[in-house]
């Protein structure tokens, strides 16, 4: 069985990898070994994790993890949001020239990450534009966490309907997916990480994959890891 480590931005992604993606990938012979929070800093020998998006601490930490785990049939993947990713991320300057082409933009960043880390076992994934795009795949799922929210769900459906994919809901300061959700559900930020994970958990992966093409391409690649095992 292939063993796979997730290297993730925050607790939302960490829990989603453990609760949704782990069981799914196990059916393809891919065992999720763990979901590790990305490093934000390292001081006095102690690594602080979660919430940070500056690249140097993440790079040092990820390279250390790759060196520690060199056994056969081990792979690594990432799960970061494109939204508010810091300018020190590799390839950012070139990627910013492609803001009008979101899919090409995010692929440029993923390619730059692999090139900078220099390990073919790393399968990069950067979410367009943030985790909440998954929630826009089926806004009716919000009722699992919020009560008496039919009007808000209707508005979320309207927002989703104006884009060809939830992944294309932009990364503006006030119009990113999470900002649009917060406008309708003011308590949403304080409900993290529980709310987004609980909502995402009830959305069938088939639905997410049909609406979020970049997510689907990534998950398909992870599934195929199992086909190369001995």
Protein backbone atom coordinates (compact mmCIF):
# COMPACT_ATOMS: atom_id res chain seq x y z
CA UNK A 1 0.00 0.00 0.00
CA UNK A 2 1.21 3.49 -0.87
CA UNK A 3 1.64 5.80 2.11
CA UNK A 4 0.75 9.44 1.64
CA UNK A 5 1.47 12.46 3.82
CA UNK A 6 -0.54 15.67 3.54
CA UNK A 7 1.27 18.92 4.30
CA UNK A 8 -1.51 21.43 4.91
CA UNK A 9 -2.13 25.06 5.66
CA UNK A 10 -4.45 24.81 8.67
CA UNK A 11 -6.75 22.75 10.85
CA UNK A 12 -9.59 22.86 8.32
CA UNK A 13 -7.49 21.15 5.66
CA UNK A 14 -5.97 18.81 8.22
CA UNK A 15 -9.36 17.58 9.41
CA UNK A 16 -10.73 17.30 5.86
CA UNK A 17 -7.79 15.13 4.85
CA UNK A 18 -8.33 12.88 7.87
CA UNK A 19 -12.12 12.63 7.73
CA UNK A 20 -12.95 12.67 4.01
CA UNK A 21 -9.91 12.04 1.83
CA UNK A 22 -8.34 9.31 3.95
CA UNK A 23 -11.29 6.90 3.64
CA UNK A 24 -11.70 7.68 -0.04
CA UNK A 25 -8.06 7.12 -0.95
CA UNK A 26 -7.89 3.89 1.06
CA UNK A 27 -10.18 2.32 -1.55
CA UNK A 28 -7.43 2.95 -4.12
CA UNK A 29 -4.66 1.43 -2.03
CA UNK A 30 -3.39 4.78 -0.79
CA UNK A 31 -3.02 5.04 2.99
CA UNK A 32 -3.01 8.56 4.44
CA UNK A 33 -0.20 8.36 6.96
CA UNK A 34 -0.85 11.81 8.38
CA UNK A 35 -1.84 15.42 7.72
CA UNK A 36 0.88 17.72 9.01
CA UNK A 37 0.27 21.40 9.69
CA UNK A 38 2.67 23.64 7.79
CA UNK A 39 5.38 25.33 9.80
CA UNK A 40 5.10 29.04 10.52
CA UNK A 41 8.41 29.44 12.35
CA UNK A 42 11.09 27.57 14.27
CA UNK A 43 12.52 29.06 17.45
CA UNK A 44 14.78 27.49 20.05
CA UNK A 45 14.33 24.11 18.41
CA UNK A 46 10.53 24.28 18.51
CA UNK A 47 8.49 24.33 15.29
CA UNK A 48 5.30 26.40 15.40
CA UNK A 49 2.59 25.25 13.02
CA UNK A 50 -0.68 26.24 11.41
CA UNK A 51 -2.07 29.38 9.81
CA UNK A 52 1.13 30.69 8.25
CA UNK A 53 1.67 31.17 4.56
CA UNK A 54 5.24 32.50 4.43
CA UNK A 55 7.30 30.14 2.34
CA UNK A 56 10.78 29.84 3.95
CA UNK A 57 9.59 28.11 7.16
CA UNK A 58 7.40 25.76 5.12
CA UNK A 59 10.21 24.94 2.73
CA UNK A 60 12.67 24.09 5.50
CA UNK A 61 10.09 21.97 7.27
CA UNK A 62 8.93 20.16 4.15
CA UNK A 63 12.47 19.38 3.05
CA UNK A 64 13.19 17.96 6.50
CA UNK A 65 10.12 15.74 6.31
CA UNK A 66 11.08 14.49 2.86
CA UNK A 67 14.56 13.59 4.08
CA UNK A 68 13.20 11.78 7.13
CA UNK A 69 10.89 9.60 5.06
CA UNK A 70 12.85 8.03 2.22
CA UNK A 71 11.34 4.57 2.21
CA UNK A 72 9.80 3.23 -1.02
CA UNK A 73 6.18 3.93 -1.91
CA UNK A 74 5.86 7.08 0.16
CA UNK A 75 4.46 10.26 -1.38
CA UNK A 76 3.68 13.75 -0.17
CA UNK A 77 1.07 16.28 -1.19
CA UNK A 78 0.17 19.81 -0.14
CA UNK A 79 -3.09 21.60 0.51
CA UNK A 80 -2.71 25.38 0.59
CA UNK A 81 -5.12 28.17 -0.38
CA UNK A 82 -4.12 30.46 -3.20
CA UNK A 83 -5.99 33.27 -1.44
CA UNK A 84 -3.52 35.45 0.48
CA UNK A 85 -0.54 33.21 -0.28
CA UNK A 86 2.51 35.35 0.47
CA UNK A 87 4.64 36.90 -2.25
CA UNK A 88 7.69 34.88 -1.15
CA UNK A 89 6.13 31.68 -2.51
CA UNK A 90 8.15 30.38 -5.50
CA UNK A 91 6.91 31.48 -8.89
CA UNK A 92 4.57 34.13 -7.49
CA UNK A 93 5.83 36.98 -9.67
CA UNK A 94 5.25 35.01 -12.87
CA UNK A 95 1.97 33.58 -11.64
CA UNK A 96 0.59 37.04 -10.86
CA UNK A 97 0.82 37.83 -14.56
CA UNK A 98 -1.77 35.10 -15.11
CA UNK A 99 -4.51 36.36 -12.80
CA UNK A 100 -6.87 36.43 -15.78
CA UNK A 101 -6.17 32.70 -16.28
CA UNK A 102 -6.77 31.17 -12.82
CA UNK A 103 -6.06 27.55 -13.73
CA UNK A 104 -2.82 28.40 -15.48
CA UNK A 105 -1.89 30.67 -12.59
CA UNK A 106 -2.28 27.98 -9.95
CA UNK A 107 -0.50 25.36 -12.05
CA UNK A 108 2.42 27.75 -12.48
CA UNK A 109 2.74 28.01 -8.69
CA UNK A 110 2.49 24.25 -8.22
CA UNK A 111 5.20 23.64 -10.80
CA UNK A 112 7.41 26.25 -9.16
CA UNK A 113 6.98 24.57 -5.77
CA UNK A 114 8.07 21.17 -7.08
CA UNK A 115 10.99 22.77 -8.87
CA UNK A 116 12.12 24.55 -5.74
CA UNK A 117 11.77 21.52 -3.45
CA UNK A 118 13.34 19.20 -6.03
CA UNK A 119 11.63 15.95 -5.02
CA UNK A 120 9.47 14.06 -7.52
CA UNK A 121 7.52 12.42 -4.70
CA UNK A 122 5.84 15.74 -3.96
CA UNK A 123 2.42 16.17 -5.59
CA UNK A 124 1.58 19.84 -5.13
CA UNK A 125 -1.92 21.16 -4.68
CA UNK A 126 -3.01 24.76 -4.23
CA UNK A 127 -6.73 25.34 -3.83
CA UNK A 128 -8.39 27.83 -6.15
CA UNK A 129 -8.94 30.20 -4.48
CA UNK A 130 -9.51 28.81 -0.98
CA UNK A 131 -11.01 25.83 0.83
CA UNK A 132 -14.48 27.39 0.84
CA UNK A 133 -14.77 26.75 -2.90
CA UNK A 134 -15.60 23.17 -1.89
CA UNK A 135 -18.56 24.45 0.13
CA UNK A 136 -19.95 26.32 -2.89
CA UNK A 137 -20.16 22.97 -4.70
CA UNK A 138 -23.39 22.34 -2.79
CA UNK A 139 -24.56 25.28 -0.65
CA UNK A 140 -27.52 23.29 0.66
CA UNK A 141 -25.01 21.54 2.95
CA UNK A 142 -24.85 24.67 5.12
CA UNK A 143 -28.03 23.56 6.86
CA UNK A 144 -26.00 20.83 8.59
CA UNK A 145 -24.37 23.53 10.74
CA UNK A 146 -26.60 26.62 10.58
CA UNK A 147 -30.30 26.75 11.50
CA UNK A 148 -33.07 28.62 9.65
CA UNK A 149 -30.77 29.52 6.79
CA UNK A 150 -32.85 28.86 3.67
CA UNK A 151 -32.51 32.48 2.48
CA UNK A 152 -28.75 32.46 2.97
CA UNK A 153 -28.46 29.16 1.12
CA UNK A 154 -30.49 30.59 -1.74
CA UNK A 155 -28.05 33.49 -1.96
CA UNK A 156 -25.08 31.12 -1.97
CA UNK A 157 -26.67 29.21 -4.84
CA UNK A 158 -27.06 32.47 -6.75
CA UNK A 159 -23.39 33.32 -6.22
CA UNK A 160 -22.27 29.85 -7.30
CA UNK A 161 -24.48 30.08 -10.37
CA UNK A 162 -22.66 33.15 -11.66
CA UNK A 163 -19.40 31.19 -12.05
CA UNK A 164 -18.60 28.19 -14.24
CA UNK A 165 -16.92 26.63 -11.21
CA UNK A 166 -16.70 27.48 -7.50
CA UNK A 167 -12.93 27.49 -8.05
CA UNK A 168 -13.37 30.64 -10.12
CA UNK A 169 -14.92 32.65 -7.29
CA UNK A 170 -12.17 35.22 -7.10
CA UNK A 171 -9.63 36.11 -4.44
CA UNK A 172 -10.66 39.69 -3.82
CA UNK A 173 -10.37 41.08 -0.31
CA UNK A 174 -14.15 41.29 0.01
CA UNK A 175 -15.27 38.79 -2.63
CA UNK A 176 -13.26 35.64 -1.88
CA UNK A 177 -15.44 32.60 -1.08
CA UNK A 178 -15.02 32.90 2.70
CA UNK A 179 -15.83 36.62 2.58
CA UNK A 180 -19.03 35.97 0.67
CA UNK A 181 -20.02 33.30 3.18
CA UNK A 182 -19.24 35.60 6.12
CA UNK A 183 -21.46 38.31 4.65
CA UNK A 184 -24.40 35.90 4.86
CA UNK A 185 -23.27 34.03 8.01
CA UNK A 186 -21.50 36.57 10.28
CA UNK A 187 -20.60 33.87 12.81
CA UNK A 188 -18.78 31.78 10.20
CA UNK A 189 -15.22 33.00 11.02
CA UNK A 190 -15.63 32.21 14.71
CA UNK A 191 -17.03 28.78 13.83
CA UNK A 192 -13.80 27.68 12.13
CA UNK A 193 -12.44 25.06 11.81
CA UNK A 194 -15.56 23.10 12.79
CA UNK A 195 -18.09 24.70 10.44
CA UNK A 196 -16.26 24.34 7.10
CA UNK A 197 -15.26 20.76 7.81
CA UNK A 198 -18.72 19.68 8.96
CA UNK A 199 -20.28 21.29 5.91
CA UNK A 200 -17.71 19.83 3.52
CA UNK A 201 -18.10 16.37 5.01
CA UNK A 202 -21.72 16.07 3.89
CA UNK A 203 -20.96 17.16 0.33
CA UNK A 204 -20.41 14.09 -1.80
CA UNK A 205 -16.98 13.97 -3.41
CA UNK A 206 -18.61 13.27 -6.76
CA UNK A 207 -20.35 16.63 -6.53
CA UNK A 208 -17.16 18.44 -5.55
CA UNK A 209 -15.23 16.82 -8.37
CA UNK A 210 -17.85 17.66 -10.97
CA UNK A 211 -17.80 21.32 -9.98
CA UNK A 212 -14.12 21.80 -9.08
CA UNK A 213 -11.93 20.63 -11.94
CA UNK A 214 -8.57 21.47 -10.39
CA UNK A 215 -9.53 19.60 -7.23
CA UNK A 216 -10.64 16.66 -9.38
CA UNK A 217 -7.36 16.55 -11.29
CA UNK A 218 -5.43 16.49 -8.02
CA UNK A 219 -7.55 13.78 -6.41
CA UNK A 220 -7.34 11.67 -9.57
CA UNK A 221 -3.56 11.90 -9.41
CA UNK A 222 -3.56 10.80 -5.77
CA UNK A 223 -5.82 7.85 -6.61
CA UNK A 224 -3.44 6.64 -9.29
CA UNK A 225 -0.59 6.40 -6.79
CA UNK A 226 -2.03 3.04 -5.73
CA UNK A 227 -1.74 1.59 -9.21
CA UNK A 228 2.06 1.62 -9.02
CA UNK A 229 2.41 -0.37 -5.83
CA UNK A 230 4.09 -3.81 -5.88
